[in-house]
């Protein structure tokens, strides 16, 4: 169990001991699922990089939209696996 304070922009830091205990590493993508008011579940999605996704034309490349697409694909993958 760990305690984290939510900052003004919605960010929070997972304490180092907690990250180590659950195996969260820098660059991991976390899936947050709402359960009930005040209750949610967090799952670590598989570690993948943009290099694992189809090539994207460098002209007009948008990192934010590419990252969003990658996170959607990872979330869909997480829902499909038990």
N, C-alpha and C. Protein backbone atom coordinates (compact mmCIF):
# COMPACT_ATOMS: atom_id res chain seq x y z
N UNK A 1 0.85 -1.17 0.00
CA UNK A 1 0.00 0.00 0.00
C UNK A 1 0.89 1.23 0.00
N UNK A 2 0.44 2.29 -0.67
CA UNK A 2 1.21 3.52 -0.74
C UNK A 2 0.27 4.71 -0.77
N UNK A 3 0.78 5.87 -0.42
CA UNK A 3 0.00 7.10 -0.44
C UNK A 3 0.68 8.08 -1.40
N UNK A 4 -0.10 8.71 -2.27
CA UNK A 4 0.41 9.70 -3.20
C UNK A 4 -0.56 10.87 -3.24
N UNK A 5 -0.03 12.07 -3.32
CA UNK A 5 -0.87 13.28 -3.37
C UNK A 5 -1.01 13.72 -4.83
N UNK A 6 -2.24 14.04 -5.25
CA UNK A 6 -2.49 14.52 -6.60
C UNK A 6 -2.14 16.01 -6.65
N UNK A 7 -1.31 16.38 -7.62
CA UNK A 7 -0.89 17.76 -7.79
C UNK A 7 -1.93 18.55 -8.59
N UNK A 8 -1.72 19.83 -8.71
CA UNK A 8 -2.67 20.72 -9.37
C UNK A 8 -3.02 20.33 -10.80
N UNK A 9 -2.08 19.78 -11.53
CA UNK A 9 -2.34 19.39 -12.91
C UNK A 9 -2.76 17.93 -13.03
N UNK A 10 -3.12 17.29 -11.93
CA UNK A 10 -3.58 15.91 -11.95
C UNK A 10 -2.47 14.88 -11.88
N UNK A 11 -1.25 15.31 -11.72
CA UNK A 11 -0.12 14.39 -11.66
C UNK A 11 0.09 13.88 -10.24
N UNK A 12 0.62 12.67 -10.14
CA UNK A 12 1.03 12.15 -8.85
C UNK A 12 2.24 11.26 -9.05
N UNK A 13 3.01 11.07 -7.99
CA UNK A 13 4.21 10.26 -8.05
C UNK A 13 4.00 8.99 -7.24
N UNK A 14 4.28 7.85 -7.87
CA UNK A 14 4.22 6.60 -7.13
C UNK A 14 5.52 6.49 -6.33
N UNK A 15 5.43 6.26 -5.02
CA UNK A 15 6.64 6.12 -4.21
C UNK A 15 7.55 5.01 -4.74
N UNK A 16 8.86 5.22 -4.63
CA UNK A 16 9.84 4.28 -5.18
C UNK A 16 9.64 2.86 -4.67
N UNK A 17 9.39 2.68 -3.39
CA UNK A 17 9.21 1.32 -2.84
C UNK A 17 8.00 0.64 -3.48
N UNK A 18 6.94 1.42 -3.72
CA UNK A 18 5.73 0.87 -4.35
C UNK A 18 6.01 0.49 -5.80
N UNK A 19 6.70 1.38 -6.55
CA UNK A 19 7.05 1.07 -7.94
C UNK A 19 7.86 -0.21 -8.02
N UNK A 20 8.81 -0.35 -7.10
CA UNK A 20 9.64 -1.55 -7.09
C UNK A 20 8.80 -2.79 -6.77
N UNK A 21 7.91 -2.67 -5.81
CA UNK A 21 7.09 -3.81 -5.38
C UNK A 21 6.17 -4.31 -6.49
N UNK A 22 5.64 -3.38 -7.30
CA UNK A 22 4.69 -3.79 -8.34
C UNK A 22 5.32 -3.87 -9.72
N UNK A 23 6.60 -3.52 -9.82
CA UNK A 23 7.32 -3.66 -11.09
C UNK A 23 7.07 -2.57 -12.10
N UNK A 24 6.72 -1.37 -11.66
CA UNK A 24 6.52 -0.24 -12.58
C UNK A 24 7.87 0.41 -12.84
N UNK A 25 8.17 0.60 -14.14
CA UNK A 25 9.45 1.18 -14.52
C UNK A 25 9.21 2.42 -15.38
N UNK A 26 10.19 3.32 -15.46
CA UNK A 26 10.05 4.50 -16.32
C UNK A 26 9.69 4.09 -17.75
N UNK A 27 8.76 4.79 -18.33
CA UNK A 27 8.31 4.49 -19.69
C UNK A 27 7.14 3.54 -19.77
N UNK A 28 6.76 2.90 -18.66
CA UNK A 28 5.59 2.02 -18.66
C UNK A 28 4.34 2.84 -18.93
N UNK A 29 3.38 2.21 -19.57
CA UNK A 29 2.08 2.83 -19.81
C UNK A 29 1.11 2.21 -18.81
N UNK A 30 0.40 3.07 -18.09
CA UNK A 30 -0.56 2.60 -17.08
C UNK A 30 -1.97 2.78 -17.61
N UNK A 31 -2.80 1.77 -17.42
CA UNK A 31 -4.21 1.84 -17.78
C UNK A 31 -5.00 2.08 -16.50
N UNK A 32 -5.75 3.17 -16.45
CA UNK A 32 -6.57 3.50 -15.29
C UNK A 32 -8.02 3.22 -15.63
N UNK A 33 -8.67 2.41 -14.82
CA UNK A 33 -10.07 2.06 -15.04
C UNK A 33 -10.90 2.51 -13.84
N UNK A 34 -11.93 3.33 -14.11
CA UNK A 34 -12.83 3.78 -13.06
C UNK A 34 -13.67 2.61 -12.58
N UNK A 35 -13.82 2.47 -11.28
CA UNK A 35 -14.65 1.40 -10.71
C UNK A 35 -15.90 2.01 -10.07
N UNK A 36 -15.72 2.75 -9.03
CA UNK A 36 -16.79 3.43 -8.32
C UNK A 36 -16.28 4.82 -7.99
N UNK A 37 -17.16 5.74 -7.55
CA UNK A 37 -16.65 7.05 -7.15
C UNK A 37 -15.55 6.88 -6.08
N UNK A 38 -14.40 7.48 -6.34
CA UNK A 38 -13.29 7.39 -5.39
C UNK A 38 -12.51 6.10 -5.45
N UNK A 39 -12.80 5.24 -6.44
CA UNK A 39 -12.13 3.94 -6.54
C UNK A 39 -11.78 3.67 -8.00
N UNK A 40 -10.52 3.35 -8.26
CA UNK A 40 -10.13 2.97 -9.61
C UNK A 40 -9.04 1.91 -9.55
N UNK A 41 -8.83 1.25 -10.67
CA UNK A 41 -7.82 0.19 -10.78
C UNK A 41 -6.77 0.65 -11.77
N UNK A 42 -5.52 0.34 -11.48
CA UNK A 42 -4.42 0.68 -12.37
C UNK A 42 -3.73 -0.60 -12.79
N UNK A 43 -3.49 -0.74 -14.10
CA UNK A 43 -2.76 -1.91 -14.60
C UNK A 43 -1.60 -1.42 -15.45
N UNK A 44 -0.49 -2.13 -15.36
CA UNK A 44 0.66 -1.84 -16.20
C UNK A 44 0.46 -2.58 -17.52
N UNK A 45 0.46 -1.84 -18.63
CA UNK A 45 0.32 -2.46 -19.93
C UNK A 45 1.68 -2.96 -20.39
N UNK A 46 1.68 -3.81 -21.40
CA UNK A 46 2.94 -4.36 -21.90
C UNK A 46 3.85 -3.23 -22.34
N UNK A 47 5.14 -3.43 -22.15
CA UNK A 47 6.11 -2.41 -22.53
C UNK A 47 6.37 -2.50 -24.02
N UNK A 48 5.98 -1.46 -24.74
CA UNK A 48 6.24 -1.39 -26.16
C UNK A 48 6.71 0.02 -26.48
N UNK A 49 7.39 0.16 -27.57
CA UNK A 49 7.82 1.49 -27.97
C UNK A 49 7.18 1.82 -29.31
N UNK A 50 7.32 3.05 -29.73
CA UNK A 50 6.78 3.43 -31.03
C UNK A 50 7.41 2.61 -32.15
N UNK A 51 8.62 2.07 -31.91
CA UNK A 51 9.28 1.27 -32.93
C UNK A 51 8.55 -0.04 -33.19
N UNK A 52 7.70 -0.48 -32.23
CA UNK A 52 6.95 -1.73 -32.40
C UNK A 52 5.71 -1.54 -33.26
N UNK A 53 5.39 -0.30 -33.59
CA UNK A 53 4.19 0.01 -34.36
C UNK A 53 4.57 0.28 -35.81
N UNK A 54 3.60 0.20 -36.73
CA UNK A 54 3.91 0.40 -38.14
C UNK A 54 4.63 1.72 -38.39
N UNK A 55 5.47 1.73 -39.40
CA UNK A 55 6.22 2.94 -39.76
C UNK A 55 5.27 4.08 -40.06
N UNK A 56 5.67 5.25 -39.64
CA UNK A 56 4.87 6.45 -39.86
C UNK A 56 5.70 7.40 -40.72
N UNK A 57 5.08 8.02 -41.69
CA UNK A 57 5.78 8.98 -42.54
C UNK A 57 6.26 10.14 -41.66
N UNK A 58 7.54 10.43 -41.73
CA UNK A 58 8.12 11.48 -40.87
C UNK A 58 7.53 12.85 -41.16
N UNK A 59 7.13 13.08 -42.40
CA UNK A 59 6.54 14.38 -42.73
C UNK A 59 5.13 14.43 -42.14
N UNK A 60 4.86 15.43 -41.37
CA UNK A 60 3.56 15.56 -40.73
C UNK A 60 3.41 14.70 -39.49
N UNK A 61 4.51 14.09 -39.02
CA UNK A 61 4.47 13.24 -37.83
C UNK A 61 4.10 14.06 -36.60
N UNK A 62 3.20 13.56 -35.80
CA UNK A 62 2.77 14.23 -34.58
C UNK A 62 2.96 13.26 -33.42
N UNK A 63 3.94 13.55 -32.57
CA UNK A 63 4.28 12.64 -31.47
C UNK A 63 3.09 12.40 -30.55
N UNK A 64 2.33 13.44 -30.24
CA UNK A 64 1.19 13.28 -29.33
C UNK A 64 0.16 12.31 -29.90
N UNK A 65 -0.18 12.47 -31.18
CA UNK A 65 -1.19 11.57 -31.75
C UNK A 65 -0.63 10.16 -31.91
N UNK A 66 0.66 10.03 -32.21
CA UNK A 66 1.27 8.70 -32.29
C UNK A 66 1.26 8.02 -30.93
N UNK A 67 1.58 8.78 -29.89
CA UNK A 67 1.56 8.22 -28.53
C UNK A 67 0.15 7.84 -28.12
N UNK A 68 -0.83 8.69 -28.44
CA UNK A 68 -2.22 8.38 -28.12
C UNK A 68 -2.66 7.10 -28.83
N UNK A 69 -2.28 6.94 -30.10
CA UNK A 69 -2.63 5.73 -30.85
C UNK A 69 -1.99 4.51 -30.23
N UNK A 70 -0.73 4.63 -29.80
CA UNK A 70 -0.04 3.52 -29.17
C UNK A 70 -0.73 3.13 -27.86
N UNK A 71 -1.10 4.13 -27.06
CA UNK A 71 -1.75 3.84 -25.79
C UNK A 71 -3.13 3.22 -26.00
N UNK A 72 -3.86 3.66 -27.03
CA UNK A 72 -5.16 3.02 -27.33
C UNK A 72 -4.97 1.57 -27.72
N UNK A 73 -3.95 1.30 -28.55
CA UNK A 73 -3.68 -0.08 -28.98
C UNK A 73 -3.31 -0.95 -27.78
N UNK A 74 -2.50 -0.42 -26.87
CA UNK A 74 -2.12 -1.17 -25.67
C UNK A 74 -3.34 -1.42 -24.78
N UNK A 75 -4.21 -0.44 -24.65
CA UNK A 75 -5.41 -0.61 -23.83
C UNK A 75 -6.32 -1.67 -24.44
N UNK A 76 -6.49 -1.64 -25.76
CA UNK A 76 -7.32 -2.66 -26.42
C UNK A 76 -6.73 -4.04 -26.19
N UNK A 77 -5.40 -4.14 -26.28
CA UNK A 77 -4.71 -5.41 -26.04
C UNK A 77 -4.96 -5.90 -24.62
N UNK A 78 -4.95 -4.98 -23.67
CA UNK A 78 -5.14 -5.34 -22.25
C UNK A 78 -6.55 -5.87 -22.02
N UNK A 79 -7.54 -5.30 -22.69
CA UNK A 79 -8.91 -5.74 -22.52
C UNK A 79 -9.14 -7.10 -23.15
N UNK A 80 -8.37 -7.41 -24.21
CA UNK A 80 -8.53 -8.68 -24.90
C UNK A 80 -7.89 -9.84 -24.14
N UNK A 81 -6.84 -9.54 -23.35
CA UNK A 81 -6.17 -10.62 -22.59
C UNK A 81 -6.72 -10.70 -21.19
N UNK A 82 -6.75 -11.90 -20.63
CA UNK A 82 -7.35 -12.09 -19.30
C UNK A 82 -6.59 -11.41 -18.19
